[in-house]
Protein backbone atom coordinates (compact mmCIF):
# COMPACT_ATOMS: atom_id res chain seq x y z
CA UNK A 1 0.00 0.00 0.00
CA UNK A 2 1.46 3.37 -1.04
CA UNK A 3 0.67 6.66 0.61
CA UNK A 4 0.80 9.77 -1.50
CA UNK A 5 1.73 13.00 0.14
CA UNK A 6 -0.37 15.89 -1.02
CA UNK A 7 1.40 19.23 -0.92
CA UNK A 8 -0.63 22.00 0.53
CA UNK A 9 -0.20 24.96 -1.80
CA UNK A 10 -2.27 27.22 0.42
CA UNK A 11 -0.11 29.40 2.59
CA UNK A 12 -1.52 29.63 6.08
CA UNK A 13 -0.08 30.27 9.51
CA UNK A 14 0.62 26.59 10.21
CA UNK A 15 2.53 26.02 6.96
CA UNK A 16 4.56 29.18 6.36
CA UNK A 17 5.82 30.93 9.48
CA UNK A 18 8.24 33.12 7.54
CA UNK A 19 5.69 34.78 5.28
CA UNK A 20 3.20 35.03 8.15
CA UNK A 21 5.68 36.76 10.46
CA UNK A 22 6.67 39.11 7.63
CA UNK A 23 2.99 39.95 7.04
CA UNK A 24 2.39 40.56 10.76
CA UNK A 25 5.51 42.75 10.95
CA UNK A 26 4.31 44.91 8.05
CA UNK A 27 0.84 45.13 9.63
CA UNK A 28 2.40 46.35 12.88
CA UNK A 29 4.51 48.92 11.04
CA UNK A 30 1.45 50.16 9.14
CA UNK A 31 -0.59 50.43 12.35
CA UNK A 32 2.17 52.34 14.15
CA UNK A 33 2.54 54.74 11.21
CA UNK A 34 -1.24 55.25 11.05
CA UNK A 35 -1.40 55.99 14.78
CA UNK A 36 1.54 58.39 14.53
CA UNK A 37 -0.04 60.21 11.59
CA UNK A 38 -3.40 60.39 13.40
CA UNK A 39 -1.87 61.80 16.57
CA UNK A 40 0.19 64.31 14.60
CA UNK A 41 -2.92 65.46 12.74
CA UNK A 42 -4.84 65.75 16.03
CA UNK A 43 -2.10 67.88 17.54
CA UNK A 44 -2.03 70.05 14.42
CA UNK A 45 -5.80 70.62 14.45
CA UNK A 46 -5.89 71.43 18.20
CA UNK A 47 -2.69 73.48 18.25
CA UNK A 48 -2.16 76.62 20.31
CA UNK A 49 -3.33 79.50 18.18
CA UNK A 50 -1.74 82.34 20.14
CA UNK A 51 -2.52 84.59 23.02
CA UNK A 52 -6.11 85.85 22.81
CA UNK A 53 -6.96 89.50 23.44
CA UNK A 54 -8.94 89.46 26.67
CA UNK A 55 -10.84 92.50 27.93
CA UNK A 56 -10.10 92.98 31.64
CA UNK A 57 -12.56 95.06 33.66
CA UNK A 58 -10.87 98.06 35.29
CA UNK A 59 -12.23 97.19 38.76
CA UNK A 60 -10.45 93.81 38.79
CA UNK A 61 -6.93 95.00 37.89
CA UNK A 62 -3.97 95.08 40.30
CA UNK A 63 -4.63 98.76 40.85
CA UNK A 64 -8.40 98.94 40.48
CA UNK A 65 -10.11 102.03 39.16
CA UNK A 66 -13.57 102.53 40.51
CA UNK A 67 -16.22 104.79 39.09
PDB file of N, CA and C in Angstrom:
ATOM      1  N   UNK A   1       0.827  -1.163   0.000  1.00  0.00           N
ATOM      2  CA  UNK A   1       0.000   0.000   0.000  1.00  0.00           C
ATOM      3  C   UNK A   1       0.891   1.254   0.000  1.00  0.00           C
ATOM      4  N   UNK A   2       0.674   2.150  -0.935  1.00  0.00           N
ATOM      5  CA  UNK A   2       1.456   3.371  -1.040  1.00  0.00           C
ATOM      6  C   UNK A   2       0.630   4.557  -0.556  1.00  0.00           C
ATOM      7  N   UNK A   3       1.323   5.438   0.145  1.00  0.00           N
ATOM      8  CA  UNK A   3       0.674   6.660   0.609  1.00  0.00           C
ATOM      9  C   UNK A   3       1.246   7.825  -0.183  1.00  0.00           C
ATOM     10  N   UNK A   4       0.372   8.594  -0.756  1.00  0.00           N
ATOM     11  CA  UNK A   4       0.801   9.771  -1.496  1.00  0.00           C
ATOM     12  C   UNK A   4       0.699  10.997  -0.601  1.00  0.00           C
ATOM     13  N   UNK A   5       1.759  11.760  -0.615  1.00  0.00           N
ATOM     14  CA  UNK A   5       1.725  12.997   0.142  1.00  0.00           C
ATOM     15  C   UNK A   5       1.201  14.102  -0.756  1.00  0.00           C
ATOM     16  N   UNK A   6       0.230  14.787  -0.264  1.00  0.00           N
ATOM     17  CA  UNK A   6      -0.372  15.887  -1.019  1.00  0.00           C
ATOM     18  C   UNK A   6       0.215  17.183  -0.471  1.00  0.00           C
ATOM     19  N   UNK A   7       0.848  17.950  -1.346  1.00  0.00           N
ATOM     20  CA  UNK A   7       1.402  19.225  -0.921  1.00  0.00           C
ATOM     21  C   UNK A   7       0.291  20.247  -0.782  1.00  0.00           C
ATOM     22  N   UNK A   8       0.357  20.951   0.293  1.00  0.00           N
ATOM     23  CA  UNK A   8      -0.627  22.003   0.526  1.00  0.00           C
ATOM     24  C   UNK A   8      -0.078  23.295  -0.076  1.00  0.00           C
ATOM     25  N   UNK A   9      -0.676  23.742  -1.145  1.00  0.00           N
ATOM     26  CA  UNK A   9      -0.200  24.960  -1.801  1.00  0.00           C
ATOM     27  C   UNK A   9      -0.753  26.215  -1.144  1.00  0.00           C
ATOM     28  N   UNK A  10      -1.732  26.050  -0.280  1.00  0.00           N
ATOM     29  CA  UNK A  10      -2.271  27.217   0.425  1.00  0.00           C
ATOM     30  C   UNK A  10      -1.286  27.643   1.503  1.00  0.00           C
ATOM     31  N   UNK A  11      -1.012  28.917   1.558  1.00  0.00           N
ATOM     32  CA  UNK A  11      -0.110  29.403   2.594  1.00  0.00           C
ATOM     33  C   UNK A  11      -0.947  29.890   3.761  1.00  0.00           C
ATOM     34  N   UNK A  12      -0.829  29.210   4.872  1.00  0.00           N
ATOM     35  CA  UNK A  12      -1.519  29.629   6.079  1.00  0.00           C
ATOM     36  C   UNK A  12      -0.506  29.715   7.214  1.00  0.00           C
ATOM     37  N   UNK A  13      -0.976  30.041   8.378  1.00  0.00           N
ATOM     38  CA  UNK A  13      -0.079  30.266   9.509  1.00  0.00           C
ATOM     39  C   UNK A  13       0.669  28.983   9.874  1.00  0.00           C
ATOM     40  N   UNK A  14      -0.001  27.848   9.804  1.00  0.00           N
ATOM     41  CA  UNK A  14       0.623  26.592  10.210  1.00  0.00           C
ATOM     42  C   UNK A  14       1.689  26.130   9.221  1.00  0.00           C
ATOM     43  N   UNK A  15       1.599  26.519   7.981  1.00  0.00           N
ATOM     44  CA  UNK A  15       2.526  26.024   6.962  1.00  0.00           C
ATOM     45  C   UNK A  15       3.712  26.940   6.708  1.00  0.00           C
ATOM     46  N   UNK A  16       3.491  28.257   6.735  1.00  0.00           N
ATOM     47  CA  UNK A  16       4.563  29.179   6.359  1.00  0.00           C
ATOM     48  C   UNK A  16       4.736  30.249   7.427  1.00  0.00           C
ATOM     49  N   UNK A  17       5.582  29.976   8.407  1.00  0.00           N
ATOM     50  CA  UNK A  17       5.817  30.931   9.481  1.00  0.00           C
ATOM     51  C   UNK A  17       6.576  32.154   8.997  1.00  0.00           C
ATOM     52  N   UNK A  18       7.424  31.994   8.010  1.00  0.00           N
ATOM     53  CA  UNK A  18       8.237  33.120   7.541  1.00  0.00           C
ATOM     54  C   UNK A  18       7.366  34.179   6.884  1.00  0.00           C
ATOM     55  N   UNK A  19       6.529  33.786   5.958  1.00  0.00           N
ATOM     56  CA  UNK A  19       5.688  34.783   5.284  1.00  0.00           C
ATOM     57  C   UNK A  19       4.635  35.354   6.239  1.00  0.00           C
ATOM     58  N   UNK A  20       4.176  34.539   7.191  1.00  0.00           N
ATOM     59  CA  UNK A  20       3.199  35.035   8.155  1.00  0.00           C
ATOM     60  C   UNK A  20       3.833  36.058   9.082  1.00  0.00           C
ATOM     61  N   UNK A  21       5.044  35.792   9.560  1.00  0.00           N
ATOM     62  CA  UNK A  21       5.682  36.756  10.456  1.00  0.00           C
ATOM     63  C   UNK A  21       6.032  38.037   9.703  1.00  0.00           C
ATOM     64  N   UNK A  22       6.395  37.926   8.439  1.00  0.00           N
ATOM     65  CA  UNK A  22       6.668  39.115   7.629  1.00  0.00           C
ATOM     66  C   UNK A  22       5.392  39.933   7.465  1.00  0.00           C
ATOM     67  N   UNK A  23       4.276  39.264   7.194  1.00  0.00           N
ATOM     68  CA  UNK A  23       2.994  39.951   7.045  1.00  0.00           C
ATOM     69  C   UNK A  23       2.594  40.646   8.344  1.00  0.00           C
ATOM     70  N   UNK A  24       2.746  39.955   9.474  1.00  0.00           N
ATOM     71  CA  UNK A  24       2.393  40.560  10.757  1.00  0.00           C
ATOM     72  C   UNK A  24       3.308  41.739  11.087  1.00  0.00           C
ATOM     73  N   UNK A  25       4.588  41.636  10.735  1.00  0.00           N
ATOM     74  CA  UNK A  25       5.508  42.750  10.949  1.00  0.00           C
ATOM     75  C   UNK A  25       5.075  43.969  10.146  1.00  0.00           C
ATOM     76  N   UNK A  26       4.746  43.781   8.879  1.00  0.00           N
ATOM     77  CA  UNK A  26       4.313  44.913   8.055  1.00  0.00           C
ATOM     78  C   UNK A  26       2.979  45.475   8.536  1.00  0.00           C
ATOM     79  N   UNK A  27       2.101  44.625   9.054  1.00  0.00           N
ATOM     80  CA  UNK A  27       0.839  45.127   9.632  1.00  0.00           C
ATOM     81  C   UNK A  27       1.128  45.997  10.851  1.00  0.00           C
ATOM     82  N   UNK A  28       2.043  45.560  11.706  1.00  0.00           N
ATOM     83  CA  UNK A  28       2.395  46.352  12.882  1.00  0.00           C
ATOM     84  C   UNK A  28       3.022  47.685  12.491  1.00  0.00           C
ATOM     85  N   UNK A  29       3.892  47.672  11.499  1.00  0.00           N
ATOM     86  CA  UNK A  29       4.511  48.922  11.036  1.00  0.00           C
ATOM     87  C   UNK A  29       3.442  49.859  10.483  1.00  0.00           C
ATOM     88  N   UNK A  30       2.514  49.330   9.705  1.00  0.00           N
ATOM     89  CA  UNK A  30       1.448  50.163   9.137  1.00  0.00           C
ATOM     90  C   UNK A  30       0.562  50.743  10.238  1.00  0.00           C
ATOM     91  N   UNK A  31       0.255  49.951  11.249  1.00  0.00           N
ATOM     92  CA  UNK A  31      -0.592  50.431  12.346  1.00  0.00           C
ATOM     93  C   UNK A  31       0.131  51.517  13.139  1.00  0.00           C
ATOM     94  N   UNK A  32       1.408  51.330  13.411  1.00  0.00           N
ATOM     95  CA  UNK A  32       2.171  52.342  14.148  1.00  0.00           C
ATOM     96  C   UNK A  32       2.252  53.641  13.351  1.00  0.00           C
ATOM     97  N   UNK A  33       2.494  53.536  12.048  1.00  0.00           N
ATOM     98  CA  UNK A  33       2.540  54.745  11.213  1.00  0.00           C
ATOM     99  C   UNK A  33       1.185  55.438  11.155  1.00  0.00           C
ATOM    100  N   UNK A  34       0.102  54.658  11.077  1.00  0.00           N
ATOM    101  CA  UNK A  34      -1.239  55.247  11.049  1.00  0.00           C
ATOM    102  C   UNK A  34      -1.548  55.953  12.367  1.00  0.00           C
ATOM    103  N   UNK A  35      -1.178  55.347  13.492  1.00  0.00           N
ATOM    104  CA  UNK A  35      -1.399  55.995  14.784  1.00  0.00           C
ATOM    105  C   UNK A  35      -0.569  57.269  14.917  1.00  0.00           C
ATOM    106  N   UNK A  36       0.681  57.215  14.474  1.00  0.00           N
ATOM    107  CA  UNK A  36       1.538  58.390  14.533  1.00  0.00           C
ATOM    108  C   UNK A  36       0.975  59.517  13.672  1.00  0.00           C
ATOM    109  N   UNK A  37       0.528  59.180  12.469  1.00  0.00           N
ATOM    110  CA  UNK A  37      -0.044  60.207  11.588  1.00  0.00           C
ATOM    111  C   UNK A  37      -1.330  60.774  12.184  1.00  0.00           C
ATOM    112  N   UNK A  38      -2.156  59.924  12.789  1.00  0.00           N
ATOM    113  CA  UNK A  38      -3.397  60.392  13.404  1.00  0.00           C
ATOM    114  C   UNK A  38      -3.145  61.303  14.588  1.00  0.00           C
ATOM    115  N   UNK A  39      -2.176  60.941  15.430  1.00  0.00           N
ATOM    116  CA  UNK A  39      -1.871  61.798  16.574  1.00  0.00           C
ATOM    117  C   UNK A  39      -1.250  63.118  16.135  1.00  0.00           C
ATOM    118  N   UNK A  40      -0.410  63.075  15.111  1.00  0.00           N
ATOM    119  CA  UNK A  40       0.185  64.309  14.600  1.00  0.00           C
ATOM    120  C   UNK A  40      -0.886  65.229  14.030  1.00  0.00           C
ATOM    121  N   UNK A  41      -1.824  64.665  13.289  1.00  0.00           N
ATOM    122  CA  UNK A  41      -2.922  65.460  12.740  1.00  0.00           C
ATOM    123  C   UNK A  41      -3.782  66.046  13.862  1.00  0.00           C
ATOM    124  N   UNK A  42      -4.053  65.252  14.902  1.00  0.00           N
ATOM    125  CA  UNK A  42      -4.836  65.745  16.030  1.00  0.00           C
ATOM    126  C   UNK A  42      -4.153  66.887  16.746  1.00  0.00           C
ATOM    127  N   UNK A  43      -2.835  66.777  16.916  1.00  0.00           N
ATOM    128  CA  UNK A  43      -2.099  67.878  17.539  1.00  0.00           C
ATOM    129  C   UNK A  43      -2.088  69.114  16.647  1.00  0.00           C
ATOM    130  N   UNK A  44      -2.026  68.915  15.342  1.00  0.00           N
ATOM    131  CA  UNK A  44      -2.031  70.054  14.417  1.00  0.00           C
ATOM    132  C   UNK A  44      -3.381  70.768  14.439  1.00  0.00           C
ATOM    133  N   UNK A  45      -4.461  70.018  14.463  1.00  0.00           N
ATOM    134  CA  UNK A  45      -5.804  70.619  14.446  1.00  0.00           C
ATOM    135  C   UNK A  45      -6.063  71.370  15.750  1.00  0.00           C
ATOM    136  N   UNK A  46      -5.621  70.828  16.888  1.00  0.00           N
ATOM    137  CA  UNK A  46      -5.889  71.430  18.195  1.00  0.00           C
ATOM    138  C   UNK A  46      -4.686  72.206  18.720  1.00  0.00           C
ATOM    139  N   UNK A  47      -3.906  72.778  17.838  1.00  0.00           N
ATOM    140  CA  UNK A  47      -2.692  73.477  18.252  1.00  0.00           C
ATOM    141  C   UNK A  47      -3.029  74.802  18.940  1.00  0.00           C
ATOM    142  N   UNK A  48      -2.027  75.331  19.628  1.00  0.00           N
ATOM    143  CA  UNK A  48      -2.162  76.616  20.305  1.00  0.00           C
ATOM    144  C   UNK A  48      -2.133  77.720  19.260  1.00  0.00           C
ATOM    145  N   UNK A  49      -3.182  78.513  19.236  1.00  0.00           N
ATOM    146  CA  UNK A  49      -3.334  79.505  18.178  1.00  0.00           C
ATOM    147  C   UNK A  49      -2.916  80.904  18.609  1.00  0.00           C
ATOM    148  N   UNK A  50      -2.227  81.032  19.725  1.00  0.00           N
ATOM    149  CA  UNK A  50      -1.738  82.340  20.144  1.00  0.00           C
ATOM    150  C   UNK A  50      -2.486  82.876  21.344  1.00  0.00           C
ATOM    151  N   UNK A  51      -1.954  83.968  21.835  1.00  0.00           N
ATOM    152  CA  UNK A  51      -2.519  84.592  23.018  1.00  0.00           C
ATOM    153  C   UNK A  51      -3.751  85.419  22.626  1.00  0.00           C
ATOM    154  N   UNK A  52      -4.913  85.092  23.174  1.00  0.00           N
ATOM    155  CA  UNK A  52      -6.108  85.855  22.805  1.00  0.00           C
ATOM    156  C   UNK A  52      -6.129  87.221  23.495  1.00  0.00           C
ATOM    157  N   UNK A  53      -6.771  88.159  22.867  1.00  0.00           N
ATOM    158  CA  UNK A  53      -6.957  89.496  23.436  1.00  0.00           C
ATOM    159  C   UNK A  53      -8.160  89.437  24.370  1.00  0.00           C
ATOM    160  N   UNK A  54      -7.900  89.576  25.657  1.00  0.00           N
ATOM    161  CA  UNK A  54      -8.943  89.463  26.667  1.00  0.00           C
ATOM    162  C   UNK A  54      -9.192  90.839  27.266  1.00  0.00           C
ATOM    163  N   UNK A  55     -10.451  91.237  27.309  1.00  0.00           N
ATOM    164  CA  UNK A  55     -10.840  92.503  27.930  1.00  0.00           C
ATOM    165  C   UNK A  55     -10.916  92.304  29.442  1.00  0.00           C
ATOM    166  N   UNK A  56     -10.124  93.081  30.184  1.00  0.00           N
ATOM    167  CA  UNK A  56     -10.103  92.983  31.637  1.00  0.00           C
ATOM    168  C   UNK A  56     -10.845  94.183  32.208  1.00  0.00           C
ATOM    169  N   UNK A  57     -11.847  93.932  33.042  1.00  0.00           N
ATOM    170  CA  UNK A  57     -12.555  95.063  33.658  1.00  0.00           C
ATOM    171  C   UNK A  57     -11.605  95.871  34.546  1.00  0.00           C
ATOM    172  N   UNK A  58     -11.781  97.178  34.559  1.00  0.00           N
ATOM    173  CA  UNK A  58     -10.870  98.060  35.294  1.00  0.00           C
ATOM    174  C   UNK A  58     -10.974  97.868  36.807  1.00  0.00           C
ATOM    175  N   UNK A  59     -12.099  97.355  37.302  1.00  0.00           N
ATOM    176  CA  UNK A  59     -12.231  97.194  38.757  1.00  0.00           C
ATOM    177  C   UNK A  59     -11.601  95.878  39.249  1.00  0.00           C
ATOM    178  N   UNK A  60     -11.080  95.056  38.369  1.00  0.00           N
ATOM    179  CA  UNK A  60     -10.448  93.808  38.788  1.00  0.00           C
ATOM    180  C   UNK A  60      -8.947  93.809  38.546  1.00  0.00           C
ATOM    181  N   UNK A  61      -8.382  94.914  38.149  1.00  0.00           N
ATOM    182  CA  UNK A  61      -6.934  94.998  37.888  1.00  0.00           C
ATOM    183  C   UNK A  61      -6.173  95.068  39.212  1.00  0.00           C
ATOM    184  N   UNK A  62      -4.814  95.023  39.103  1.00  0.00           N
ATOM    185  CA  UNK A  62      -3.969  95.077  40.300  1.00  0.00           C
ATOM    186  C   UNK A  62      -4.169  96.391  41.048  1.00  0.00           C
ATOM    187  N   UNK A  63      -4.245  97.462  40.279  1.00  0.00           N
ATOM    188  CA  UNK A  63      -4.626  98.762  40.849  1.00  0.00           C
ATOM    189  C   UNK A  63      -6.003  99.112  40.290  1.00  0.00           C
ATOM    190  N   UNK A  64      -7.038  98.741  41.019  1.00  0.00           N
ATOM    191  CA  UNK A  64      -8.398  98.938  40.481  1.00  0.00           C
ATOM    192  C   UNK A  64      -8.769 100.418  40.367  1.00  0.00           C
ATOM    193  N   UNK A  65      -9.590 100.674  39.381  1.00  0.00           N
ATOM    194  CA  UNK A  65     -10.106 102.028  39.156  1.00  0.00           C
ATOM    195  C   UNK A  65     -11.625 101.955  39.279  1.00  0.00           C
ATOM    196  N   UNK A  66     -12.137 102.555  40.291  1.00  0.00           N
ATOM    197  CA  UNK A  66     -13.566 102.525  40.514  1.00  0.00           C
ATOM    198  C   UNK A  66     -14.217 103.756  39.926  1.00  0.00           C
ATOM    199  N   UNK A  67     -15.466 103.656  39.644  1.00  0.00           N
ATOM    200  CA  UNK A  67     -16.220 104.788  39.094  1.00  0.00           C
ATOM    201  C   UNK A  67     -16.724 105.691  40.196  1.00  0.00           C
TER     202      UNK A  67
END
